[in-house]
Amino acid sequence: MPNSSERAAIKQVGDEFFILSHLLRKYMDTAMTESGVPLARSKLLKLLAEHGPSRVTDLAAYSHTAVRSATQAVDALERDGLAVRQPDPGDRRASLVTITDAGRIAFRASRKPFMAAYEQVFGSLSADERAAFLATLAKLRAAAG
């Protein structure tokens, strides 16, 4: 059982992690929005490009979001011509979401600002610091289950 000073140190690390997480997400989303493809949209296009035609429920699972959020995101992609829904040949009640050619172009265009933002933030670490950070993140991920 941690003593009070250990608890305070653990809390400080947790607080700093969540602040960093929020700042990084905001930084990435701003960079991506300026490119014309916001972060959430880019992530969904990436899933469609990698996994091929997918059900909304699968997209929600892949992206760790609620089905309702994934449905709204797919609606936006469809409205902008970046994805289309088509009947699922294996289940008449379901549909599959497919990336369009315009969606592929938008996804490819989003990669450059995405990587530039990553390089700006994580490039500030040395190779050794990145390796240590990766090891720490893996340990935290395992502890979080």
N, C-alpha and C. Protein backbone atom coordinates (compact mmCIF):
# COMPACT_ATOMS: atom_id res chain seq x y z
N MET A 1 0.84 -1.18 0.00
CA MET A 1 0.00 0.00 0.00
C MET A 1 0.89 1.25 0.00
N PRO A 2 0.71 2.16 -0.98
CA PRO A 2 1.55 3.36 -1.03
C PRO A 2 1.30 4.27 0.16
N ASN A 3 2.37 4.90 0.62
CA ASN A 3 2.20 5.88 1.69
C ASN A 3 1.73 7.21 1.08
N SER A 4 1.52 8.21 1.91
CA SER A 4 0.92 9.46 1.42
C SER A 4 1.82 10.19 0.42
N SER A 5 3.13 10.14 0.60
CA SER A 5 4.00 10.82 -0.37
C SER A 5 4.03 10.06 -1.70
N GLU A 6 3.96 8.72 -1.65
CA GLU A 6 3.89 7.93 -2.88
C GLU A 6 2.57 8.20 -3.61
N ARG A 7 1.48 8.29 -2.84
CA ARG A 7 0.18 8.61 -3.45
C ARG A 7 0.22 9.97 -4.14
N ALA A 8 0.82 10.94 -3.49
CA ALA A 8 0.93 12.27 -4.08
C ALA A 8 1.75 12.23 -5.37
N ALA A 9 2.84 11.46 -5.37
CA ALA A 9 3.67 11.33 -6.57
C ALA A 9 2.90 10.61 -7.68
N ILE A 10 2.16 9.57 -7.32
CA ILE A 10 1.35 8.84 -8.31
C ILE A 10 0.29 9.77 -8.90
N LYS A 11 -0.35 10.56 -8.05
CA LYS A 11 -1.37 11.50 -8.51
C LYS A 11 -0.75 12.53 -9.46
N GLN A 12 0.44 13.02 -9.13
CA GLN A 12 1.11 14.01 -9.97
C GLN A 12 1.39 13.42 -11.36
N VAL A 13 1.89 12.18 -11.39
CA VAL A 13 2.17 11.53 -12.67
C VAL A 13 0.86 11.37 -13.47
N GLY A 14 -0.19 10.91 -12.80
CA GLY A 14 -1.47 10.74 -13.47
C GLY A 14 -2.01 12.06 -14.01
N ASP A 15 -1.93 13.10 -13.19
CA ASP A 15 -2.41 14.41 -13.63
C ASP A 15 -1.62 14.91 -14.84
N GLU A 16 -0.30 14.79 -14.79
CA GLU A 16 0.54 15.22 -15.91
C GLU A 16 0.25 14.41 -17.17
N PHE A 17 0.02 13.12 -17.00
CA PHE A 17 -0.30 12.27 -18.15
C PHE A 17 -1.60 12.73 -18.82
N PHE A 18 -2.63 12.99 -18.02
CA PHE A 18 -3.90 13.41 -18.60
C PHE A 18 -3.81 14.80 -19.22
N ILE A 19 -3.04 15.69 -18.63
CA ILE A 19 -2.83 17.01 -19.24
C ILE A 19 -2.13 16.85 -20.58
N LEU A 20 -1.06 16.05 -20.61
CA LEU A 20 -0.33 15.81 -21.85
C LEU A 20 -1.24 15.17 -22.89
N SER A 21 -2.02 14.19 -22.48
CA SER A 21 -2.93 13.52 -23.40
C SER A 21 -3.90 14.52 -24.03
N HIS A 22 -4.46 15.38 -23.20
CA HIS A 22 -5.40 16.39 -23.69
C HIS A 22 -4.70 17.36 -24.64
N LEU A 23 -3.53 17.84 -24.25
CA LEU A 23 -2.80 18.80 -25.09
C LEU A 23 -2.38 18.18 -26.42
N LEU A 24 -1.93 16.93 -26.37
CA LEU A 24 -1.51 16.25 -27.59
C LEU A 24 -2.69 16.06 -28.53
N ARG A 25 -3.83 15.65 -28.00
CA ARG A 25 -5.02 15.46 -28.83
C ARG A 25 -5.45 16.78 -29.46
N LYS A 26 -5.42 17.85 -28.66
CA LYS A 26 -5.79 19.18 -29.16
C LYS A 26 -4.80 19.63 -30.25
N TYR A 27 -3.50 19.44 -29.99
CA TYR A 27 -2.47 19.80 -30.95
C TYR A 27 -2.65 19.04 -32.27
N MET A 28 -2.86 17.73 -32.15
CA MET A 28 -3.04 16.90 -33.35
C MET A 28 -4.31 17.29 -34.10
N ASP A 29 -5.39 17.51 -33.37
CA ASP A 29 -6.65 17.85 -34.03
C ASP A 29 -6.54 19.19 -34.74
N THR A 30 -5.87 20.16 -34.12
CA THR A 30 -5.68 21.46 -34.77
C THR A 30 -4.87 21.31 -36.04
N ALA A 31 -3.77 20.57 -35.97
CA ALA A 31 -2.93 20.35 -37.15
C ALA A 31 -3.71 19.63 -38.25
N MET A 32 -4.49 18.65 -37.87
CA MET A 32 -5.26 17.88 -38.85
C MET A 32 -6.40 18.71 -39.43
N THR A 33 -7.07 19.50 -38.60
CA THR A 33 -8.17 20.33 -39.08
C THR A 33 -7.65 21.33 -40.10
N GLU A 34 -6.48 21.89 -39.84
CA GLU A 34 -5.89 22.84 -40.78
C GLU A 34 -5.59 22.18 -42.12
N SER A 35 -5.37 20.86 -42.12
CA SER A 35 -5.11 20.14 -43.36
C SER A 35 -6.40 19.85 -44.13
N GLY A 36 -7.54 20.09 -43.46
CA GLY A 36 -8.83 19.83 -44.10
C GLY A 36 -9.45 18.50 -43.70
N VAL A 37 -8.71 17.69 -42.97
CA VAL A 37 -9.21 16.40 -42.53
C VAL A 37 -8.97 16.28 -41.03
N PRO A 38 -9.97 16.61 -40.20
CA PRO A 38 -9.78 16.54 -38.75
C PRO A 38 -9.34 15.14 -38.30
N LEU A 39 -8.74 15.10 -37.13
CA LEU A 39 -8.16 13.86 -36.60
C LEU A 39 -9.15 12.71 -36.57
N ALA A 40 -10.34 12.93 -36.03
CA ALA A 40 -11.33 11.85 -35.93
C ALA A 40 -11.69 11.32 -37.31
N ARG A 41 -11.85 12.21 -38.27
CA ARG A 41 -12.19 11.80 -39.64
C ARG A 41 -11.04 11.03 -40.26
N SER A 42 -9.81 11.49 -40.04
CA SER A 42 -8.64 10.81 -40.57
C SER A 42 -8.53 9.40 -40.00
N LYS A 43 -8.79 9.27 -38.69
CA LYS A 43 -8.71 7.95 -38.05
C LYS A 43 -9.74 7.00 -38.66
N LEU A 44 -10.94 7.48 -38.92
CA LEU A 44 -11.97 6.62 -39.50
C LEU A 44 -11.62 6.24 -40.93
N LEU A 45 -11.11 7.19 -41.70
CA LEU A 45 -10.68 6.88 -43.06
C LEU A 45 -9.54 5.86 -43.05
N LYS A 46 -8.64 5.99 -42.08
CA LYS A 46 -7.54 5.03 -41.95
C LYS A 46 -8.08 3.62 -41.69
N LEU A 47 -9.05 3.52 -40.81
CA LEU A 47 -9.66 2.21 -40.52
C LEU A 47 -10.29 1.62 -41.78
N LEU A 48 -11.02 2.43 -42.52
CA LEU A 48 -11.66 1.94 -43.74
C LEU A 48 -10.62 1.55 -44.79
N ALA A 49 -9.55 2.33 -44.89
CA ALA A 49 -8.50 2.01 -45.86
C ALA A 49 -7.79 0.70 -45.48
N GLU A 50 -7.59 0.48 -44.19
CA GLU A 50 -6.87 -0.71 -43.74
C GLU A 50 -7.74 -1.96 -43.69
N HIS A 51 -8.98 -1.82 -43.21
CA HIS A 51 -9.84 -2.98 -42.98
C HIS A 51 -10.79 -3.26 -44.13
N GLY A 52 -10.94 -2.33 -45.04
CA GLY A 52 -11.88 -2.51 -46.13
C GLY A 52 -13.30 -2.27 -45.65
N PRO A 53 -14.28 -2.63 -46.46
CA PRO A 53 -15.68 -2.40 -46.08
C PRO A 53 -15.98 -2.97 -44.70
N SER A 54 -16.61 -2.15 -43.86
CA SER A 54 -16.84 -2.53 -42.47
C SER A 54 -18.22 -2.08 -42.01
N ARG A 55 -18.77 -2.82 -41.07
CA ARG A 55 -20.01 -2.39 -40.41
C ARG A 55 -19.68 -1.26 -39.44
N VAL A 56 -20.65 -0.42 -39.19
CA VAL A 56 -20.45 0.69 -38.25
C VAL A 56 -20.08 0.14 -36.86
N THR A 57 -20.70 -0.96 -36.48
CA THR A 57 -20.38 -1.54 -35.17
C THR A 57 -18.91 -1.96 -35.09
N ASP A 58 -18.38 -2.47 -36.19
CA ASP A 58 -16.96 -2.84 -36.23
C ASP A 58 -16.07 -1.60 -36.17
N LEU A 59 -16.45 -0.55 -36.89
CA LEU A 59 -15.69 0.70 -36.85
C LEU A 59 -15.66 1.28 -35.43
N ALA A 60 -16.80 1.19 -34.75
CA ALA A 60 -16.87 1.67 -33.37
C ALA A 60 -15.92 0.86 -32.49
N ALA A 61 -15.90 -0.45 -32.67
CA ALA A 61 -15.01 -1.30 -31.87
C ALA A 61 -13.55 -1.01 -32.18
N TYR A 62 -13.21 -0.89 -33.48
CA TYR A 62 -11.82 -0.60 -33.87
C TYR A 62 -11.35 0.72 -33.27
N SER A 63 -12.24 1.71 -33.23
CA SER A 63 -11.85 3.05 -32.79
C SER A 63 -12.14 3.31 -31.32
N HIS A 64 -12.65 2.30 -30.62
CA HIS A 64 -12.95 2.42 -29.18
C HIS A 64 -13.92 3.57 -28.90
N THR A 65 -14.97 3.67 -29.74
CA THR A 65 -15.99 4.70 -29.55
C THR A 65 -17.36 4.04 -29.48
N ALA A 66 -18.34 4.82 -29.10
CA ALA A 66 -19.71 4.33 -29.07
C ALA A 66 -20.24 4.18 -30.50
N VAL A 67 -21.15 3.25 -30.69
CA VAL A 67 -21.73 3.03 -32.02
C VAL A 67 -22.39 4.30 -32.52
N ARG A 68 -23.06 5.01 -31.62
CA ARG A 68 -23.72 6.26 -32.03
C ARG A 68 -22.71 7.27 -32.58
N SER A 69 -21.55 7.39 -31.93
CA SER A 69 -20.51 8.30 -32.39
C SER A 69 -19.97 7.86 -33.75
N ALA A 70 -19.76 6.57 -33.91
CA ALA A 70 -19.28 6.05 -35.19
C ALA A 70 -20.31 6.28 -36.29
N THR A 71 -21.59 6.11 -35.96
CA THR A 71 -22.65 6.35 -36.93
C THR A 71 -22.65 7.80 -37.38
N GLN A 72 -22.51 8.72 -36.44
CA GLN A 72 -22.48 10.15 -36.78
C GLN A 72 -21.25 10.48 -37.63
N ALA A 73 -20.12 9.87 -37.31
CA ALA A 73 -18.91 10.10 -38.09
C ALA A 73 -19.06 9.56 -39.52
N VAL A 74 -19.65 8.38 -39.64
CA VAL A 74 -19.88 7.80 -40.97
C VAL A 74 -20.88 8.67 -41.74
N ASP A 75 -21.91 9.16 -41.07
CA ASP A 75 -22.86 10.07 -41.73
C ASP A 75 -22.12 11.27 -42.33
N ALA A 76 -21.19 11.85 -41.57
CA ALA A 76 -20.43 13.01 -42.04
C ALA A 76 -19.54 12.63 -43.23
N LEU A 77 -18.87 11.47 -43.13
CA LEU A 77 -18.04 11.01 -44.26
C LEU A 77 -18.88 10.81 -45.50
N GLU A 78 -20.04 10.21 -45.31
CA GLU A 78 -20.93 9.94 -46.44
C GLU A 78 -21.44 11.24 -47.05
N ARG A 79 -21.82 12.18 -46.19
CA ARG A 79 -22.32 13.48 -46.65
C ARG A 79 -21.26 14.21 -47.49
N ASP A 80 -19.98 14.02 -47.13
CA ASP A 80 -18.90 14.69 -47.84
C ASP A 80 -18.31 13.86 -48.98
N GLY A 81 -18.92 12.70 -49.25
CA GLY A 81 -18.47 11.88 -50.37
C GLY A 81 -17.20 11.10 -50.11
N LEU A 82 -16.82 10.94 -48.83
CA LEU A 82 -15.59 10.24 -48.50
C LEU A 82 -15.81 8.76 -48.21
N ALA A 83 -17.06 8.38 -48.02
CA ALA A 83 -17.43 6.98 -47.77
C ALA A 83 -18.86 6.77 -48.24
N VAL A 84 -19.19 5.53 -48.50
CA VAL A 84 -20.57 5.18 -48.87
C VAL A 84 -20.99 3.94 -48.09
N ARG A 85 -22.29 3.87 -47.85
CA ARG A 85 -22.85 2.65 -47.25
C ARG A 85 -23.42 1.81 -48.38
N GLN A 86 -23.16 0.52 -48.27
CA GLN A 86 -23.68 -0.43 -49.25
C GLN A 86 -24.28 -1.61 -48.51
N PRO A 87 -25.24 -2.30 -49.10
CA PRO A 87 -25.81 -3.46 -48.42
C PRO A 87 -24.74 -4.51 -48.14
N ASP A 88 -24.85 -5.13 -46.98
CA ASP A 88 -23.95 -6.21 -46.61
C ASP A 88 -24.46 -7.48 -47.27
N PRO A 89 -23.68 -8.08 -48.18
CA PRO A 89 -24.16 -9.27 -48.88
C PRO A 89 -24.41 -10.45 -47.94
N GLY A 90 -23.78 -10.43 -46.76
CA GLY A 90 -23.95 -11.52 -45.80
C GLY A 90 -25.11 -11.33 -44.85
N ASP A 91 -25.68 -10.12 -44.82
CA ASP A 91 -26.77 -9.83 -43.88
C ASP A 91 -27.59 -8.68 -44.44
N ARG A 92 -28.79 -8.99 -44.93
CA ARG A 92 -29.64 -7.98 -45.57
C ARG A 92 -30.00 -6.84 -44.64
N ARG A 93 -29.95 -7.07 -43.33
CA ARG A 93 -30.32 -6.02 -42.37
C ARG A 93 -29.19 -5.03 -42.12
N ALA A 94 -27.99 -5.37 -42.53
CA ALA A 94 -26.82 -4.54 -42.22
C ALA A 94 -26.27 -3.87 -43.48
N SER A 95 -25.43 -2.89 -43.25
CA SER A 95 -24.74 -2.26 -44.37
C SER A 95 -23.25 -2.21 -44.06
N LEU A 96 -22.48 -2.09 -45.12
CA LEU A 96 -21.04 -1.96 -44.99
C LEU A 96 -20.65 -0.55 -45.42
N VAL A 97 -19.70 0.02 -44.72
CA VAL A 97 -19.18 1.34 -45.06
C VAL A 97 -17.90 1.12 -45.86
N THR A 98 -17.81 1.78 -47.00
CA THR A 98 -16.66 1.65 -47.89
C THR A 98 -16.08 3.02 -48.17
N ILE A 99 -14.76 3.12 -48.13
CA ILE A 99 -14.10 4.38 -48.46
C ILE A 99 -14.22 4.62 -49.96
N THR A 100 -14.43 5.87 -50.35
CA THR A 100 -14.51 6.22 -51.76
C THR A 100 -13.13 6.67 -52.26
N ASP A 101 -13.02 6.89 -53.56
CA ASP A 101 -11.76 7.41 -54.10
C ASP A 101 -11.44 8.76 -53.47
N ALA A 102 -12.46 9.61 -53.30
CA ALA A 102 -12.25 10.91 -52.65
C ALA A 102 -11.79 10.72 -51.21
N GLY A 103 -12.31 9.69 -50.55
CA GLY A 103 -11.89 9.39 -49.19
C GLY A 103 -10.44 8.95 -49.13
N ARG A 104 -10.03 8.16 -50.11
CA ARG A 104 -8.62 7.72 -50.15
C ARG A 104 -7.69 8.91 -50.37
N ILE A 105 -8.11 9.82 -51.25
CA ILE A 105 -7.31 11.02 -51.51
C ILE A 105 -7.21 11.87 -50.23
N ALA A 106 -8.33 12.04 -49.55
CA ALA A 106 -8.35 12.83 -48.30
C ALA A 106 -7.48 12.15 -47.24
N PHE A 107 -7.57 10.84 -47.15
CA PHE A 107 -6.76 10.11 -46.17
C PHE A 107 -5.28 10.29 -46.47
N ARG A 108 -4.88 10.11 -47.72
CA ARG A 108 -3.47 10.28 -48.09
C ARG A 108 -3.00 11.71 -47.80
N ALA A 109 -3.86 12.68 -48.09
CA ALA A 109 -3.50 14.08 -47.82
C ALA A 109 -3.34 14.34 -46.33
N SER A 110 -4.06 13.61 -45.50
CA SER A 110 -4.00 13.83 -44.05
C SER A 110 -2.73 13.25 -43.43
N ARG A 111 -2.07 12.34 -44.11
CA ARG A 111 -0.89 11.69 -43.54
C ARG A 111 0.27 12.66 -43.34
N LYS A 112 0.47 13.59 -44.27
CA LYS A 112 1.60 14.51 -44.17
C LYS A 112 1.49 15.40 -42.92
N PRO A 113 0.38 16.11 -42.71
CA PRO A 113 0.28 16.92 -41.49
C PRO A 113 0.25 16.07 -40.22
N PHE A 114 -0.31 14.87 -40.31
CA PHE A 114 -0.33 13.96 -39.17
C PHE A 114 1.10 13.63 -38.73
N MET A 115 1.91 13.21 -39.70
CA MET A 115 3.30 12.85 -39.38
C MET A 115 4.10 14.08 -38.97
N ALA A 116 3.84 15.23 -39.57
CA ALA A 116 4.55 16.45 -39.19
C ALA A 116 4.26 16.80 -37.73
N ALA A 117 3.02 16.64 -37.32
CA ALA A 117 2.65 16.91 -35.92
C ALA A 117 3.32 15.91 -34.99
N TYR A 118 3.33 14.64 -35.36
CA TYR A 118 4.00 13.63 -34.54
C TYR A 118 5.50 13.94 -34.44
N GLU A 119 6.10 14.29 -35.57
CA GLU A 119 7.53 14.58 -35.58
C GLU A 119 7.84 15.80 -34.72
N GLN A 120 6.97 16.80 -34.76
CA GLN A 120 7.17 18.00 -33.94
C GLN A 120 7.18 17.65 -32.45
N VAL A 121 6.24 16.81 -32.03
CA VAL A 121 6.12 16.47 -30.61
C VAL A 121 7.12 15.40 -30.21
N PHE A 122 7.07 14.25 -30.86
CA PHE A 122 7.89 13.13 -30.43
C PHE A 122 9.33 13.21 -30.94
N GLY A 123 9.55 14.05 -31.95
CA GLY A 123 10.90 14.27 -32.42
C GLY A 123 11.73 15.07 -31.43
N SER A 124 11.06 15.68 -30.45
CA SER A 124 11.79 16.42 -29.41
C SER A 124 12.48 15.47 -28.43
N LEU A 125 12.17 14.19 -28.51
CA LEU A 125 12.80 13.18 -27.65
C LEU A 125 13.96 12.54 -28.41
N SER A 126 15.00 12.18 -27.67
CA SER A 126 16.10 11.43 -28.28
C SER A 126 15.62 10.01 -28.57
N ALA A 127 16.40 9.27 -29.32
CA ALA A 127 16.05 7.87 -29.62
C ALA A 127 15.94 7.07 -28.32
N ASP A 128 16.85 7.29 -27.39
CA ASP A 128 16.80 6.58 -26.10
C ASP A 128 15.55 6.97 -25.31
N GLU A 129 15.21 8.26 -25.32
CA GLU A 129 14.02 8.71 -24.61
C GLU A 129 12.75 8.12 -25.21
N ARG A 130 12.70 8.05 -26.55
CA ARG A 130 11.54 7.43 -27.21
C ARG A 130 11.42 5.97 -26.85
N ALA A 131 12.54 5.25 -26.81
CA ALA A 131 12.52 3.82 -26.46
C ALA A 131 12.03 3.65 -25.02
N ALA A 132 12.52 4.48 -24.12
CA ALA A 132 12.10 4.40 -22.72
C ALA A 132 10.62 4.75 -22.58
N PHE A 133 10.19 5.76 -23.33
CA PHE A 133 8.78 6.17 -23.29
C PHE A 133 7.88 5.06 -23.81
N LEU A 134 8.29 4.43 -24.90
CA LEU A 134 7.51 3.29 -25.44
C LEU A 134 7.40 2.17 -24.43
N ALA A 135 8.50 1.86 -23.76
CA ALA A 135 8.49 0.80 -22.75
C ALA A 135 7.55 1.17 -21.60
N THR A 136 7.60 2.43 -21.20
CA THR A 136 6.72 2.89 -20.12
C THR A 136 5.27 2.84 -20.55
N LEU A 137 4.98 3.28 -21.78
CA LEU A 137 3.60 3.22 -22.27
C LEU A 137 3.09 1.79 -22.34
N ALA A 138 3.93 0.87 -22.78
CA ALA A 138 3.53 -0.55 -22.84
C ALA A 138 3.20 -1.07 -21.45
N LYS A 139 4.00 -0.69 -20.48
CA LYS A 139 3.76 -1.12 -19.10
C LYS A 139 2.45 -0.54 -18.56
N LEU A 140 2.20 0.74 -18.85
CA LEU A 140 0.95 1.38 -18.42
C LEU A 140 -0.27 0.75 -19.10
N ARG A 141 -0.12 0.47 -20.40
CA ARG A 141 -1.22 -0.16 -21.13
C ARG A 141 -1.56 -1.52 -20.53
N ALA A 142 -0.52 -2.29 -20.22
CA ALA A 142 -0.75 -3.62 -19.60
C ALA A 142 -1.42 -3.48 -18.24
N ALA A 143 -1.01 -2.49 -17.45
CA ALA A 143 -1.60 -2.30 -16.11
C ALA A 143 -3.06 -1.85 -16.21
N ALA A 144 -3.38 -1.11 -17.27
CA ALA A 144 -4.76 -0.63 -17.46
C ALA A 144 -5.68 -1.72 -17.99
N GLY A 145 -5.08 -2.82 -18.44
CA GLY A 145 -5.89 -3.95 -18.88
C GLY A 145 -6.25 -3.88 -20.29
